[in-house]
Amino acid sequence: MIIDDAINYHKRKGKNRSNRTVIREVLTDVESSLRFKYVNMLGCYGAVLKEALTATGHASYAAKIPALTLYLELGAASQTMIQLISLGLSRHTAHVLSSLTINRDMDLESARRFLSRLTPETAGLSPYVADELRRVLQSV
């Protein structure tokens, strides 16, 4: 929708820009805004919230605040995905593999065990994902 709106805007204004150029500019703008502005703002909000919870005697709640800025930076949607990425998998492969488990809160050791139980040949993975999994399994 954002990309379509940008393309239509340039057409209405009579600007001679290729759709590829507009798409690239929109994606660059979104990424820079997300990575810089919103990640920083969310980080500040999280720090203030944790401090307020700790100061009011609710430190246990502060410890449960998810690492949203890390999720945004890595493009990950769960702790499991972050651990899979930290083991050397690409974001795409981590996403595919994390969809094979219901555990969204794996720690590093749990992620290692999960990967070691997977068999690339029988897991129904694309050749690319299977090759990447084999490579990481050799080093884990």
N, C-alpha and C. Protein backbone atom coordinates (compact mmCIF):
# COMPACT_ATOMS: atom_id res chain seq x y z
N MET A 1 0.82 -1.18 0.00
CA MET A 1 0.00 0.00 0.00
C MET A 1 0.88 1.26 0.00
N ILE A 2 1.90 1.30 0.81
CA ILE A 2 2.78 2.47 0.86
C ILE A 2 3.47 2.65 -0.49
N ILE A 3 3.93 1.55 -1.05
CA ILE A 3 4.62 1.62 -2.34
C ILE A 3 3.67 2.06 -3.44
N ASP A 4 2.47 1.48 -3.46
CA ASP A 4 1.47 1.88 -4.46
C ASP A 4 1.15 3.37 -4.34
N ASP A 5 0.99 3.85 -3.12
CA ASP A 5 0.70 5.27 -2.91
C ASP A 5 1.84 6.15 -3.42
N ALA A 6 3.07 5.73 -3.18
CA ALA A 6 4.22 6.52 -3.64
C ALA A 6 4.29 6.54 -5.17
N ILE A 7 4.04 5.41 -5.80
CA ILE A 7 4.05 5.35 -7.27
C ILE A 7 2.95 6.24 -7.84
N ASN A 8 1.76 6.14 -7.27
CA ASN A 8 0.64 6.97 -7.74
C ASN A 8 0.91 8.45 -7.51
N TYR A 9 1.53 8.80 -6.41
CA TYR A 9 1.87 10.19 -6.11
C TYR A 9 2.78 10.75 -7.20
N HIS A 10 3.82 10.01 -7.54
CA HIS A 10 4.77 10.48 -8.56
C HIS A 10 4.10 10.59 -9.93
N LYS A 11 3.19 9.68 -10.22
CA LYS A 11 2.46 9.76 -11.50
C LYS A 11 1.58 11.00 -11.54
N ARG A 12 0.86 11.26 -10.43
CA ARG A 12 -0.02 12.44 -10.37
C ARG A 12 0.76 13.73 -10.51
N LYS A 13 1.94 13.77 -9.94
CA LYS A 13 2.78 14.97 -10.00
C LYS A 13 3.51 15.10 -11.32
N GLY A 14 3.37 14.09 -12.18
CA GLY A 14 4.01 14.14 -13.49
C GLY A 14 5.51 13.90 -13.44
N LYS A 15 5.97 13.32 -12.36
CA LYS A 15 7.40 13.04 -12.25
C LYS A 15 7.72 11.75 -12.99
N ASN A 16 8.75 11.80 -13.79
CA ASN A 16 9.14 10.65 -14.60
C ASN A 16 10.12 9.78 -13.82
N ARG A 17 9.57 8.91 -12.99
CA ARG A 17 10.42 8.02 -12.18
C ARG A 17 9.96 6.59 -12.41
N SER A 18 10.92 5.72 -12.54
CA SER A 18 10.56 4.31 -12.74
C SER A 18 10.02 3.74 -11.43
N ASN A 19 9.17 2.74 -11.58
CA ASN A 19 8.61 2.09 -10.39
C ASN A 19 9.72 1.49 -9.53
N ARG A 20 10.74 0.97 -10.16
CA ARG A 20 11.85 0.38 -9.41
C ARG A 20 12.54 1.42 -8.53
N THR A 21 12.72 2.63 -9.07
CA THR A 21 13.36 3.70 -8.30
C THR A 21 12.49 4.09 -7.11
N VAL A 22 11.19 4.24 -7.35
CA VAL A 22 10.27 4.62 -6.28
C VAL A 22 10.25 3.53 -5.20
N ILE A 23 10.19 2.28 -5.61
CA ILE A 23 10.17 1.17 -4.64
C ILE A 23 11.44 1.19 -3.80
N ARG A 24 12.58 1.35 -4.44
CA ARG A 24 13.87 1.38 -3.73
C ARG A 24 13.90 2.54 -2.72
N GLU A 25 13.41 3.72 -3.14
CA GLU A 25 13.40 4.88 -2.24
C GLU A 25 12.47 4.66 -1.05
N VAL A 26 11.29 4.09 -1.30
CA VAL A 26 10.35 3.84 -0.21
C VAL A 26 10.95 2.84 0.78
N LEU A 27 11.53 1.77 0.28
CA LEU A 27 12.13 0.77 1.18
C LEU A 27 13.28 1.35 1.98
N THR A 28 14.08 2.20 1.35
CA THR A 28 15.18 2.86 2.06
C THR A 28 14.64 3.78 3.15
N ASP A 29 13.60 4.56 2.83
CA ASP A 29 13.00 5.45 3.82
C ASP A 29 12.42 4.67 4.99
N VAL A 30 11.69 3.60 4.70
CA VAL A 30 11.09 2.80 5.76
C VAL A 30 12.17 2.19 6.64
N GLU A 31 13.20 1.63 6.00
CA GLU A 31 14.26 0.99 6.78
C GLU A 31 15.01 2.00 7.64
N SER A 32 15.33 3.16 7.08
CA SER A 32 16.08 4.14 7.88
C SER A 32 15.21 4.69 9.01
N SER A 33 13.92 4.90 8.74
CA SER A 33 13.03 5.37 9.81
C SER A 33 12.90 4.31 10.89
N LEU A 34 12.68 3.08 10.46
CA LEU A 34 12.48 2.01 11.42
C LEU A 34 13.75 1.77 12.23
N ARG A 35 14.85 1.67 11.55
CA ARG A 35 16.10 1.36 12.24
C ARG A 35 16.58 2.50 13.12
N PHE A 36 16.43 3.72 12.67
CA PHE A 36 16.97 4.83 13.43
C PHE A 36 15.95 5.39 14.41
N LYS A 37 14.90 5.97 13.86
CA LYS A 37 13.93 6.66 14.71
C LYS A 37 13.22 5.75 15.68
N TYR A 38 12.51 4.78 15.15
CA TYR A 38 11.64 3.98 15.99
C TYR A 38 12.40 3.03 16.91
N VAL A 39 13.49 2.49 16.45
CA VAL A 39 14.29 1.63 17.32
C VAL A 39 14.84 2.44 18.48
N ASN A 40 15.34 3.64 18.20
CA ASN A 40 15.85 4.49 19.28
C ASN A 40 14.74 4.91 20.23
N MET A 41 13.60 5.33 19.69
CA MET A 41 12.48 5.74 20.55
C MET A 41 12.00 4.58 21.41
N LEU A 42 11.86 3.41 20.79
CA LEU A 42 11.41 2.25 21.54
C LEU A 42 12.43 1.85 22.60
N GLY A 43 13.71 1.98 22.28
CA GLY A 43 14.75 1.69 23.27
C GLY A 43 14.66 2.62 24.46
N CYS A 44 14.44 3.90 24.20
CA CYS A 44 14.30 4.88 25.29
C CYS A 44 13.07 4.57 26.14
N TYR A 45 11.96 4.28 25.46
CA TYR A 45 10.73 3.95 26.18
C TYR A 45 10.94 2.72 27.06
N GLY A 46 11.58 1.70 26.51
CA GLY A 46 11.84 0.48 27.28
C GLY A 46 12.71 0.74 28.49
N ALA A 47 13.74 1.57 28.33
CA ALA A 47 14.63 1.90 29.45
C ALA A 47 13.89 2.65 30.54
N VAL A 48 13.06 3.62 30.15
CA VAL A 48 12.28 4.39 31.13
C VAL A 48 11.27 3.48 31.83
N LEU A 49 10.61 2.62 31.06
CA LEU A 49 9.63 1.70 31.65
C LEU A 49 10.30 0.76 32.65
N LYS A 50 11.44 0.19 32.28
CA LYS A 50 12.16 -0.70 33.20
C LYS A 50 12.57 0.02 34.47
N GLU A 51 13.07 1.25 34.32
CA GLU A 51 13.48 2.04 35.49
C GLU A 51 12.28 2.33 36.39
N ALA A 52 11.15 2.70 35.79
CA ALA A 52 9.95 3.00 36.57
C ALA A 52 9.44 1.76 37.30
N LEU A 53 9.44 0.63 36.62
CA LEU A 53 9.00 -0.61 37.26
C LEU A 53 9.92 -1.00 38.41
N THR A 54 11.21 -0.87 38.20
CA THR A 54 12.17 -1.20 39.25
C THR A 54 12.03 -0.26 40.44
N ALA A 55 11.89 1.03 40.16
CA ALA A 55 11.78 2.04 41.22
C ALA A 55 10.51 1.87 42.05
N THR A 56 9.48 1.29 41.46
CA THR A 56 8.21 1.11 42.19
C THR A 56 8.06 -0.30 42.75
N GLY A 57 9.17 -1.04 42.76
CA GLY A 57 9.13 -2.36 43.38
C GLY A 57 8.61 -3.47 42.48
N HIS A 58 8.61 -3.26 41.19
CA HIS A 58 8.09 -4.26 40.25
C HIS A 58 9.19 -4.76 39.31
N ALA A 59 10.36 -5.01 39.86
CA ALA A 59 11.51 -5.44 39.05
C ALA A 59 11.22 -6.74 38.30
N SER A 60 10.37 -7.59 38.87
CA SER A 60 10.06 -8.86 38.19
C SER A 60 9.35 -8.61 36.86
N TYR A 61 8.54 -7.55 36.80
CA TYR A 61 7.88 -7.20 35.54
C TYR A 61 8.88 -6.61 34.55
N ALA A 62 9.81 -5.83 35.06
CA ALA A 62 10.82 -5.22 34.19
C ALA A 62 11.65 -6.30 33.49
N ALA A 63 11.93 -7.38 34.19
CA ALA A 63 12.72 -8.46 33.61
C ALA A 63 11.98 -9.20 32.50
N LYS A 64 10.66 -9.06 32.46
CA LYS A 64 9.86 -9.78 31.46
C LYS A 64 9.59 -8.96 30.20
N ILE A 65 10.08 -7.73 30.15
CA ILE A 65 9.86 -6.90 28.96
C ILE A 65 10.68 -7.48 27.82
N PRO A 66 10.03 -7.81 26.71
CA PRO A 66 10.78 -8.42 25.59
C PRO A 66 11.73 -7.42 24.93
N ALA A 67 12.74 -7.94 24.29
CA ALA A 67 13.75 -7.11 23.61
C ALA A 67 13.22 -6.67 22.25
N LEU A 68 12.22 -5.80 22.27
CA LEU A 68 11.57 -5.37 21.02
C LEU A 68 12.54 -4.70 20.06
N THR A 69 13.47 -3.91 20.59
CA THR A 69 14.42 -3.25 19.70
C THR A 69 15.30 -4.27 18.98
N LEU A 70 15.66 -5.32 19.67
CA LEU A 70 16.45 -6.39 19.04
C LEU A 70 15.63 -7.09 17.97
N TYR A 71 14.35 -7.32 18.25
CA TYR A 71 13.48 -7.95 17.25
C TYR A 71 13.41 -7.09 16.00
N LEU A 72 13.28 -5.77 16.18
CA LEU A 72 13.22 -4.88 15.02
C LEU A 72 14.54 -4.84 14.27
N GLU A 73 15.63 -4.77 14.99
CA GLU A 73 16.95 -4.73 14.35
C GLU A 73 17.22 -5.97 13.52
N LEU A 74 16.88 -7.12 14.08
CA LEU A 74 17.17 -8.38 13.40
C LEU A 74 16.06 -8.82 12.46
N GLY A 75 14.90 -8.20 12.57
CA GLY A 75 13.78 -8.65 11.77
C GLY A 75 13.25 -9.98 12.28
N ALA A 76 13.41 -10.22 13.55
CA ALA A 76 12.99 -11.48 14.15
C ALA A 76 11.71 -11.27 14.95
N ALA A 77 10.91 -12.33 15.01
CA ALA A 77 9.63 -12.21 15.69
C ALA A 77 9.58 -12.98 17.01
N SER A 78 10.65 -13.64 17.38
CA SER A 78 10.63 -14.42 18.62
C SER A 78 12.05 -14.61 19.15
N GLN A 79 12.12 -14.98 20.40
CA GLN A 79 13.41 -15.28 21.02
C GLN A 79 14.07 -16.48 20.32
N THR A 80 13.25 -17.44 19.92
CA THR A 80 13.77 -18.60 19.20
C THR A 80 14.47 -18.18 17.92
N MET A 81 13.83 -17.30 17.17
CA MET A 81 14.42 -16.85 15.92
C MET A 81 15.74 -16.11 16.17
N ILE A 82 15.79 -15.31 17.20
CA ILE A 82 17.03 -14.59 17.54
C ILE A 82 18.14 -15.59 17.87
N GLN A 83 17.83 -16.62 18.63
CA GLN A 83 18.85 -17.62 18.98
C GLN A 83 19.33 -18.38 17.74
N LEU A 84 18.42 -18.69 16.82
CA LEU A 84 18.81 -19.39 15.59
C LEU A 84 19.72 -18.50 14.74
N ILE A 85 19.42 -17.21 14.68
CA ILE A 85 20.28 -16.27 13.96
C ILE A 85 21.65 -16.20 14.63
N SER A 86 21.66 -16.19 15.96
CA SER A 86 22.94 -16.10 16.68
C SER A 86 23.81 -17.34 16.46
N LEU A 87 23.20 -18.44 16.06
CA LEU A 87 23.96 -19.65 15.76
C LEU A 87 24.52 -19.65 14.34
N GLY A 88 24.20 -18.60 13.58
CA GLY A 88 24.78 -18.46 12.25
C GLY A 88 23.81 -18.63 11.10
N LEU A 89 22.54 -18.81 11.39
CA LEU A 89 21.55 -18.95 10.32
C LEU A 89 21.12 -17.58 9.81
N SER A 90 20.75 -17.53 8.55
CA SER A 90 20.20 -16.29 8.00
C SER A 90 18.81 -16.05 8.59
N ARG A 91 18.33 -14.84 8.46
CA ARG A 91 17.00 -14.51 8.98
C ARG A 91 15.95 -15.39 8.31
N HIS A 92 16.07 -15.57 6.99
CA HIS A 92 15.09 -16.39 6.27
C HIS A 92 15.07 -17.83 6.79
N THR A 93 16.24 -18.43 6.91
CA THR A 93 16.31 -19.81 7.38
C THR A 93 15.85 -19.92 8.83
N ALA A 94 16.22 -18.96 9.66
CA ALA A 94 15.76 -18.95 11.05
C ALA A 94 14.24 -18.88 11.11
N HIS A 95 13.65 -18.09 10.24
CA HIS A 95 12.18 -17.97 10.20
C HIS A 95 11.56 -19.31 9.80
N VAL A 96 12.09 -19.92 8.74
CA VAL A 96 11.56 -21.20 8.27
C VAL A 96 11.67 -22.26 9.37
N LEU A 97 12.83 -22.35 10.00
CA LEU A 97 13.04 -23.37 11.02
C LEU A 97 12.24 -23.09 12.29
N SER A 98 12.09 -21.83 12.65
CA SER A 98 11.32 -21.52 13.87
C SER A 98 9.85 -21.86 13.68
N SER A 99 9.40 -21.91 12.43
CA SER A 99 8.00 -22.29 12.18
C SER A 99 7.78 -23.79 12.40
N LEU A 100 8.86 -24.55 12.57
CA LEU A 100 8.75 -26.00 12.80
C LEU A 100 8.59 -26.34 14.28
N THR A 101 8.58 -25.34 15.15
CA THR A 101 8.44 -25.58 16.58
C THR A 101 7.41 -24.63 17.17
N ILE A 102 6.79 -25.06 18.26
CA ILE A 102 5.85 -24.16 18.93
C ILE A 102 6.54 -23.33 20.01
N ASN A 103 7.77 -23.69 20.35
CA ASN A 103 8.51 -22.97 21.38
C ASN A 103 9.08 -21.67 20.81
N ARG A 104 8.54 -20.54 21.21
CA ARG A 104 8.98 -19.23 20.72
C ARG A 104 9.98 -18.56 21.66
N ASP A 105 10.33 -19.25 22.76
CA ASP A 105 11.22 -18.65 23.76
C ASP A 105 12.45 -19.50 24.05
N MET A 106 13.03 -20.11 23.02
CA MET A 106 14.22 -20.94 23.23
C MET A 106 15.41 -20.10 23.67
N ASP A 107 16.19 -20.67 24.58
CA ASP A 107 17.49 -20.07 24.88
C ASP A 107 18.50 -20.69 23.90
N LEU A 108 19.75 -20.28 24.01
CA LEU A 108 20.75 -20.73 23.05
C LEU A 108 20.92 -22.25 23.05
N GLU A 109 20.98 -22.84 24.23
CA GLU A 109 21.17 -24.30 24.31
C GLU A 109 19.97 -25.05 23.75
N SER A 110 18.77 -24.56 24.01
CA SER A 110 17.56 -25.19 23.46
C SER A 110 17.56 -25.11 21.94
N ALA A 111 18.01 -23.97 21.41
CA ALA A 111 18.08 -23.81 19.95
C ALA A 111 19.09 -24.79 19.35
N ARG A 112 20.22 -24.97 20.02
CA ARG A 112 21.22 -25.95 19.55
C ARG A 112 20.63 -27.37 19.52
N ARG A 113 19.94 -27.73 20.60
CA ARG A 113 19.33 -29.07 20.66
C ARG A 113 18.28 -29.23 19.57
N PHE A 114 17.48 -28.19 19.36
CA PHE A 114 16.44 -28.22 18.32
C PHE A 114 17.08 -28.46 16.96
N LEU A 115 18.14 -27.72 16.64
CA LEU A 115 18.80 -27.89 15.35
C LEU A 115 19.42 -29.27 15.21
N SER A 116 20.00 -29.77 16.29
CA SER A 116 20.66 -31.08 16.22
C SER A 116 19.67 -32.21 15.97
N ARG A 117 18.41 -32.01 16.32
CA ARG A 117 17.39 -33.03 16.09
C ARG A 117 16.81 -32.98 14.67
N LEU A 118 17.07 -31.89 13.95
CA LEU A 118 16.54 -31.77 12.59
C LEU A 118 17.39 -32.54 11.60
N THR A 119 16.74 -33.18 10.67
CA THR A 119 17.43 -33.87 9.58
C THR A 119 17.08 -33.15 8.30
N PRO A 120 18.03 -32.44 7.70
CA PRO A 120 17.74 -31.64 6.51
C PRO A 120 17.04 -32.43 5.39
N GLU A 121 17.40 -33.70 5.24
CA GLU A 121 16.84 -34.50 4.15
C GLU A 121 15.37 -34.85 4.36
N THR A 122 14.93 -34.94 5.60
CA THR A 122 13.56 -35.38 5.86
C THR A 122 12.65 -34.29 6.43
N ALA A 123 13.18 -33.09 6.61
CA ALA A 123 12.39 -32.02 7.24
C ALA A 123 11.53 -31.25 6.24
N GLY A 124 11.59 -31.60 4.96
CA GLY A 124 10.78 -30.92 3.95
C GLY A 124 11.25 -29.51 3.67
N LEU A 125 12.55 -29.28 3.73
CA LEU A 125 13.12 -27.95 3.56
C LEU A 125 13.54 -27.72 2.12
N SER A 126 13.56 -26.47 1.71
CA SER A 126 14.08 -26.14 0.38
C SER A 126 15.57 -26.48 0.35
N PRO A 127 16.13 -26.70 -0.83
CA PRO A 127 17.57 -27.01 -0.90
C PRO A 127 18.44 -25.93 -0.26
N TYR A 128 18.07 -24.67 -0.43
CA TYR A 128 18.84 -23.56 0.15
C TYR A 128 18.85 -23.66 1.67
N VAL A 129 17.66 -23.82 2.26
CA VAL A 129 17.54 -23.89 3.72
C VAL A 129 18.25 -25.15 4.24
N ALA A 130 18.08 -26.26 3.55
CA ALA A 130 18.74 -27.51 3.97
C ALA A 130 20.26 -27.37 3.94
N ASP A 131 20.80 -26.74 2.89
CA ASP A 131 22.26 -26.54 2.81
C ASP A 131 22.76 -25.65 3.95
N GLU A 132 22.01 -24.60 4.23
CA GLU A 132 22.42 -23.70 5.31
C GLU A 132 22.35 -24.41 6.66
N LEU A 133 21.32 -25.21 6.86
CA LEU A 133 21.20 -25.98 8.10
C LEU A 133 22.37 -26.95 8.25
N ARG A 134 22.73 -27.64 7.17
CA ARG A 134 23.88 -28.56 7.22
C ARG A 134 25.16 -27.83 7.62
N ARG A 135 25.36 -26.65 7.02
CA ARG A 135 26.56 -25.86 7.32
C ARG A 135 26.61 -25.49 8.81
N VAL A 136 25.49 -25.04 9.34
CA VAL A 136 25.45 -24.62 10.75
C VAL A 136 25.57 -25.83 11.67
N LEU A 137 24.97 -26.95 11.28
CA LEU A 137 25.05 -28.16 12.12
C LEU A 137 26.49 -28.65 12.27
N GLN A 138 27.32 -28.41 11.27
CA GLN A 138 28.72 -28.81 11.35
C GLN A 138 29.49 -28.01 12.40
N SER A 139 29.03 -26.80 12.66
CA SER A 139 29.76 -25.93 13.60
C SER A 139 29.13 -25.85 14.98
N VAL A 140 27.94 -26.43 15.15
CA VAL A 140 27.25 -26.32 16.44
C VAL A 140 27.64 -27.45 17.36
